[in-house]
Amino acid sequence: MKNQKVKKDPEFLEYVYKLNKGVELQEALKLSLKEIDDIDIAQLNRIGLKTYKKGKWTIHKILQHLIDWERIWCFRAIIFARAEGTIPVAHDQEIMGENSNADELSIEQLMNELRIVRQSTIMMFESFNKKILETNCVFFEYEMPLHSIGLTIRAHQIHHFNIIKERYIPLDK
């Protein structure tokens, strides 16, 4: 990581703010829980393990990916909130996806786990005071305020729910 310049305003963070449409953190996380509850599980079950293109993840793997990455982002948030000092490393989502057993799990199980993880995330972020939420978080290649981690979790969900809506729902025929 020598000579690697830290990006102060990463492009993805702009995308995070755009997807959240100016909604404050606590409201964004609560809205994300409603978005989980609004998913048509019967429709996802009808789609099953179909993909819109060869080599793409199933809906099961997308949901597992959301669960895994939410846990990773929450771990990162705790590291910064508690001033532990470690700079979290990057993770490879493709390796994680390949090694998940998501396709063996039911949509109901995955949605329930996502809901429970999100409830835990909401409680964690509600426990942080203003000073903690404003903590500057320096990652392997960029930095952002800690509250943006929570917004990233919701934006990640919006992004993948949009992919499901646009590319997978048409498979329900």
C-alpha atoms as a PDB file:
ATOM      1  CA  MET A   1       0.000   0.000   0.000  1.00  0.00           C
ATOM      2  CA  LYS A   2       3.005   2.288  -0.128  1.00  0.00           C
ATOM      3  CA  ASN A   3       2.551   5.328  -2.299  1.00  0.00           C
ATOM      4  CA  GLN A   4      -1.188   4.660  -2.481  1.00  0.00           C
ATOM      5  CA  LYS A   5      -2.978   7.972  -2.305  1.00  0.00           C
ATOM      6  CA  VAL A   6      -6.082   8.121  -0.118  1.00  0.00           C
ATOM      7  CA  LYS A   7      -9.090   9.385  -2.046  1.00  0.00           C
ATOM      8  CA  LYS A   8     -10.876  12.027  -0.005  1.00  0.00           C
ATOM      9  CA  ASP A   9     -14.127  11.969  -1.982  1.00  0.00           C
ATOM     10  CA  PRO A  10     -14.564   8.603  -3.690  1.00  0.00           C
ATOM     11  CA  GLU A  11     -16.949   8.302  -6.620  1.00  0.00           C
ATOM     12  CA  PHE A  12     -18.870   5.530  -4.927  1.00  0.00           C
ATOM     13  CA  LEU A  13     -19.640   7.838  -1.990  1.00  0.00           C
ATOM     14  CA  GLU A  14     -21.298  10.278  -4.376  1.00  0.00           C
ATOM     15  CA  TYR A  15     -23.355   7.336  -5.655  1.00  0.00           C
ATOM     16  CA  VAL A  16     -24.246   6.435  -2.039  1.00  0.00           C
ATOM     17  CA  TYR A  17     -25.548   9.950  -1.372  1.00  0.00           C
ATOM     18  CA  LYS A  18     -27.439   9.996  -4.664  1.00  0.00           C
ATOM     19  CA  LEU A  19     -29.226   6.714  -3.903  1.00  0.00           C
ATOM     20  CA  ASN A  20     -30.147   7.919  -0.410  1.00  0.00           C
ATOM     21  CA  LYS A  21     -31.637  11.143  -1.839  1.00  0.00           C
ATOM     22  CA  GLY A  22     -30.598  13.305   1.107  1.00  0.00           C
ATOM     23  CA  VAL A  23     -32.321  11.150   3.714  1.00  0.00           C
ATOM     24  CA  GLU A  24     -30.677  11.246   7.146  1.00  0.00           C
ATOM     25  CA  LEU A  25     -28.977   8.098   8.435  1.00  0.00           C
ATOM     26  CA  GLN A  26     -31.560   6.817  10.943  1.00  0.00           C
ATOM     27  CA  GLU A  27     -34.442   7.410   8.552  1.00  0.00           C
ATOM     28  CA  ALA A  28     -32.482   5.771   5.717  1.00  0.00           C
ATOM     29  CA  LEU A  29     -31.858   2.630   7.755  1.00  0.00           C
ATOM     30  CA  LYS A  30     -35.497   2.418   8.847  1.00  0.00           C
ATOM     31  CA  LEU A  31     -36.639   2.882   5.238  1.00  0.00           C
ATOM     32  CA  SER A  32     -34.278   0.081   4.224  1.00  0.00           C
ATOM     33  CA  LEU A  33     -36.027  -2.260   6.653  1.00  0.00           C
ATOM     34  CA  LYS A  34     -39.384  -1.362   5.101  1.00  0.00           C
ATOM     35  CA  GLU A  35     -37.901  -2.028   1.649  1.00  0.00           C
ATOM     36  CA  ILE A  36     -36.886  -5.502   2.854  1.00  0.00           C
ATOM     37  CA  ASP A  37     -40.392  -6.133   4.190  1.00  0.00           C
ATOM     38  CA  ASP A  38     -41.932  -4.986   0.892  1.00  0.00           C
ATOM     39  CA  ILE A  39     -40.124  -7.606  -1.211  1.00  0.00           C
ATOM     40  CA  ASP A  40     -42.464 -10.070  -2.918  1.00  0.00           C
ATOM     41  CA  ILE A  41     -40.993 -13.322  -1.624  1.00  0.00           C
ATOM     42  CA  ALA A  42     -43.438 -15.437  -3.654  1.00  0.00           C
ATOM     43  CA  GLN A  43     -42.182 -13.777  -6.828  1.00  0.00           C
ATOM     44  CA  LEU A  44     -38.546 -14.370  -5.877  1.00  0.00           C
ATOM     45  CA  ASN A  45     -39.411 -18.015  -5.207  1.00  0.00           C
ATOM     46  CA  ARG A  46     -40.953 -18.328  -8.679  1.00  0.00           C
ATOM     47  CA  ILE A  47     -37.727 -17.010 -10.210  1.00  0.00           C
ATOM     48  CA  GLY A  48     -35.762 -19.489  -8.123  1.00  0.00           C
ATOM     49  CA  LEU A  49     -32.173 -20.039  -9.239  1.00  0.00           C
ATOM     50  CA  LYS A  50     -32.596 -18.470 -12.690  1.00  0.00           C
ATOM     51  CA  THR A  51     -30.161 -15.758 -13.753  1.00  0.00           C
ATOM     52  CA  TYR A  52     -30.583 -13.151 -16.458  1.00  0.00           C
ATOM     53  CA  LYS A  53     -27.212 -14.024 -17.978  1.00  0.00           C
ATOM     54  CA  LYS A  54     -24.773 -16.924 -17.744  1.00  0.00           C
ATOM     55  CA  GLY A  55     -22.229 -16.419 -14.982  1.00  0.00           C
ATOM     56  CA  LYS A  56     -24.352 -13.959 -12.991  1.00  0.00           C
ATOM     57  CA  TRP A  57     -25.375 -14.564  -9.404  1.00  0.00           C
ATOM     58  CA  THR A  58     -28.757 -15.969  -8.454  1.00  0.00           C
ATOM     59  CA  ILE A  59     -31.089 -13.880  -6.314  1.00  0.00           C
ATOM     60  CA  HIS A  60     -30.068 -16.145  -3.432  1.00  0.00           C
ATOM     61  CA  LYS A  61     -26.414 -15.156  -3.873  1.00  0.00           C
ATOM     62  CA  ILE A  62     -27.330 -11.473  -4.179  1.00  0.00           C
ATOM     63  CA  LEU A  63     -29.187 -11.644  -0.864  1.00  0.00           C
ATOM     64  CA  GLN A  64     -26.282 -13.480   0.774  1.00  0.00           C
ATOM     65  CA  HIS A  65     -23.940 -10.838  -0.645  1.00  0.00           C
ATOM     66  CA  LEU A  66     -26.039  -8.092   0.978  1.00  0.00           C
ATOM     67  CA  ILE A  67     -25.939  -9.934   4.309  1.00  0.00           C
ATOM     68  CA  ASP A  68     -22.194 -10.572   4.150  1.00  0.00           C
ATOM     69  CA  TRP A  69     -21.298  -7.034   3.157  1.00  0.00           C
ATOM     70  CA  GLU A  70     -23.547  -5.489   5.765  1.00  0.00           C
ATOM     71  CA  ARG A  71     -21.684  -7.472   8.386  1.00  0.00           C
ATOM     72  CA  ILE A  72     -18.350  -6.361   6.916  1.00  0.00           C
ATOM     73  CA  TRP A  73     -19.416  -2.696   6.917  1.00  0.00           C
ATOM     74  CA  CYS A  74     -20.653  -3.022  10.516  1.00  0.00           C
ATOM     75  CA  PHE A  75     -17.329  -4.546  11.554  1.00  0.00           C
ATOM     76  CA  ARG A  76     -15.584  -1.610   9.921  1.00  0.00           C
ATOM     77  CA  ALA A  77     -17.908   0.837  11.691  1.00  0.00           C
ATOM     78  CA  ILE A  78     -17.110  -0.697  15.084  1.00  0.00           C
ATOM     79  CA  ILE A  79     -13.364  -0.559  14.392  1.00  0.00           C
ATOM     80  CA  PHE A  80     -13.658   3.188  13.776  1.00  0.00           C
ATOM     81  CA  ALA A  81     -16.286   3.906  16.437  1.00  0.00           C
ATOM     82  CA  ARG A  82     -14.101   2.355  19.106  1.00  0.00           C
ATOM     83  CA  ALA A  83     -10.904   3.992  17.791  1.00  0.00           C
ATOM     84  CA  GLU A  84      -9.220   0.598  17.561  1.00  0.00           C
ATOM     85  CA  GLY A  85      -6.716   1.884  15.029  1.00  0.00           C
ATOM     86  CA  THR A  86      -6.745  -0.864  12.429  1.00  0.00           C
ATOM     87  CA  ILE A  87      -7.281   0.070   8.806  1.00  0.00           C
ATOM     88  CA  PRO A  88      -9.713  -2.511   7.402  1.00  0.00           C
ATOM     89  CA  VAL A  89      -8.526  -4.391   4.347  1.00  0.00           C
ATOM     90  CA  ALA A  90     -10.346  -4.955   1.072  1.00  0.00           C
ATOM     91  CA  HIS A  91     -12.412  -8.096   0.549  1.00  0.00           C
ATOM     92  CA  ASP A  92     -13.140  -9.985  -2.666  1.00  0.00           C
ATOM     93  CA  GLN A  93     -16.876 -10.265  -3.235  1.00  0.00           C
ATOM     94  CA  GLU A  94     -16.420 -12.766  -6.077  1.00  0.00           C
ATOM     95  CA  ILE A  95     -14.507 -15.216  -3.880  1.00  0.00           C
ATOM     96  CA  MET A  96     -17.062 -14.753  -1.129  1.00  0.00           C
ATOM     97  CA  GLY A  97     -19.927 -15.354  -3.583  1.00  0.00           C
ATOM     98  CA  GLU A  98     -18.294 -18.477  -4.994  1.00  0.00           C
ATOM     99  CA  ASN A  99     -17.840 -19.881  -1.510  1.00  0.00           C
ATOM    100  CA  SER A 100     -21.294 -19.142  -0.187  1.00  0.00           C
ATOM    101  CA  ASN A 101     -23.918 -21.827   0.014  1.00  0.00           C
ATOM    102  CA  ALA A 102     -26.666 -19.317  -0.685  1.00  0.00           C
ATOM    103  CA  ASP A 103     -28.294 -21.401  -3.416  1.00  0.00           C
ATOM    104  CA  GLU A 104     -28.937 -24.114  -0.825  1.00  0.00           C
ATOM    105  CA  LEU A 105     -30.887 -21.689   1.386  1.00  0.00           C
ATOM    106  CA  SER A 106     -34.483 -20.597   0.929  1.00  0.00           C
ATOM    107  CA  ILE A 107     -35.431 -17.068  -0.043  1.00  0.00           C
ATOM    108  CA  GLU A 108     -37.413 -16.908   3.218  1.00  0.00           C
ATOM    109  CA  GLN A 109     -34.333 -17.827   5.248  1.00  0.00           C
ATOM    110  CA  LEU A 110     -32.162 -15.270   3.455  1.00  0.00           C
ATOM    111  CA  MET A 111     -34.743 -12.485   3.733  1.00  0.00           C
ATOM    112  CA  ASN A 112     -35.233 -13.218   7.429  1.00  0.00           C
ATOM    113  CA  GLU A 113     -31.484 -13.125   8.021  1.00  0.00           C
ATOM    114  CA  LEU A 114     -31.190  -9.853   6.081  1.00  0.00           C
ATOM    115  CA  ARG A 115     -34.003  -8.364   8.180  1.00  0.00           C
ATOM    116  CA  ILE A 116     -32.371  -9.451  11.465  1.00  0.00           C
ATOM    117  CA  VAL A 117     -28.937  -8.181  10.402  1.00  0.00           C
ATOM    118  CA  ARG A 118     -30.518  -4.844   9.431  1.00  0.00           C
ATOM    119  CA  GLN A 119     -32.298  -4.559  12.775  1.00  0.00           C
ATOM    120  CA  SER A 120     -28.965  -5.109  14.489  1.00  0.00           C
ATOM    121  CA  THR A 121     -27.321  -2.513  12.247  1.00  0.00           C
ATOM    122  CA  ILE A 122     -30.025   0.021  13.109  1.00  0.00           C
ATOM    123  CA  MET A 123     -29.483  -0.562  16.817  1.00  0.00           C
ATOM    124  CA  MET A 124     -25.709  -0.224  16.448  1.00  0.00           C
ATOM    125  CA  PHE A 125     -25.930   3.081  14.585  1.00  0.00           C
ATOM    126  CA  GLU A 126     -28.550   4.390  17.052  1.00  0.00           C
ATOM    127  CA  SER A 127     -26.044   3.732  19.846  1.00  0.00           C
ATOM    128  CA  PHE A 128     -23.422   6.016  18.285  1.00  0.00           C
ATOM    129  CA  ASN A 129     -23.352   9.629  19.429  1.00  0.00           C
ATOM    130  CA  LYS A 130     -22.713  12.587  17.139  1.00  0.00           C
ATOM    131  CA  LYS A 131     -18.961  12.554  17.765  1.00  0.00           C
ATOM    132  CA  ILE A 132     -18.718   8.882  16.800  1.00  0.00           C
ATOM    133  CA  LEU A 133     -20.904   9.356  13.708  1.00  0.00           C
ATOM    134  CA  GLU A 134     -18.606  12.163  12.552  1.00  0.00           C
ATOM    135  CA  THR A 135     -15.447  10.062  13.042  1.00  0.00           C
ATOM    136  CA  ASN A 136     -13.245  10.127   9.955  1.00  0.00           C
ATOM    137  CA  CYS A 137     -12.761   6.580   8.659  1.00  0.00           C
ATOM    138  CA  VAL A 138      -9.652   5.883   6.612  1.00  0.00           C
ATOM    139  CA  PHE A 139      -9.837   2.693   4.589  1.00  0.00           C
ATOM    140  CA  PHE A 140      -7.349   0.991   2.309  1.00  0.00           C
ATOM    141  CA  GLU A 141      -7.849   3.589  -0.429  1.00  0.00           C
ATOM    142  CA  TYR A 142     -10.371   6.196   0.674  1.00  0.00           C
ATOM    143  CA  GLU A 143     -11.925   7.938   3.628  1.00  0.00           C
ATOM    144  CA  MET A 144     -15.388   8.955   4.764  1.00  0.00           C
ATOM    145  CA  PRO A 145     -17.283   9.930   7.905  1.00  0.00           C
ATOM    146  CA  LEU A 146     -18.581   6.975   9.912  1.00  0.00           C
ATOM    147  CA  HIS A 147     -22.254   7.868   9.359  1.00  0.00           C
ATOM    148  CA  SER A 148     -21.646   7.317   5.641  1.00  0.00           C
ATOM    149  CA  ILE A 149     -21.026   3.651   6.359  1.00  0.00           C
ATOM    150  CA  GLY A 150     -24.681   3.346   7.384  1.00  0.00           C
ATOM    151  CA  LEU A 151     -25.770   5.180   4.252  1.00  0.00           C
ATOM    152  CA  THR A 152     -23.539   2.851   2.221  1.00  0.00           C
ATOM    153  CA  ILE A 153     -25.390  -0.152   3.640  1.00  0.00           C
ATOM    154  CA  ARG A 154     -28.729   1.219   2.451  1.00  0.00           C
ATOM    155  CA  ALA A 155     -27.337   2.343  -0.913  1.00  0.00           C
ATOM    156  CA  HIS A 156     -25.887  -1.131  -1.445  1.00  0.00           C
ATOM    157  CA  GLN A 157     -29.332  -2.602  -0.831  1.00  0.00           C
ATOM    158  CA  ILE A 158     -31.009  -0.094  -3.165  1.00  0.00           C
ATOM    159  CA  HIS A 159     -28.447  -0.877  -5.866  1.00  0.00           C
ATOM    160  CA  HIS A 160     -28.995  -4.636  -5.671  1.00  0.00           C
ATOM    161  CA  PHE A 161     -32.781  -4.421  -5.255  1.00  0.00           C
ATOM    162  CA  ASN A 162     -32.786  -2.306  -8.433  1.00  0.00           C
ATOM    163  CA  ILE A 163     -30.807  -5.017 -10.220  1.00  0.00           C
ATOM    164  CA  ILE A 164     -33.292  -7.634  -9.020  1.00  0.00           C
ATOM    165  CA  LYS A 165     -36.199  -5.457 -10.196  1.00  0.00           C
ATOM    166  CA  GLU A 166     -34.688  -4.647 -13.584  1.00  0.00           C
ATOM    167  CA  ARG A 167     -32.995  -7.943 -14.507  1.00  0.00           C
ATOM    168  CA  TYR A 168     -34.543 -10.737 -12.458  1.00  0.00           C
ATOM    169  CA  ILE A 169     -38.228  -9.837 -12.082  1.00  0.00           C
ATOM    170  CA  PRO A 170     -38.687 -10.097 -15.887  1.00  0.00           C
ATOM    171  CA  LEU A 171     -37.700 -13.783 -15.509  1.00  0.00           C
ATOM    172  CA  ASP A 172     -40.970 -14.370 -13.622  1.00  0.00           C
ATOM    173  CA  LYS A 173     -42.995 -15.551 -16.608  1.00  0.00           C
END
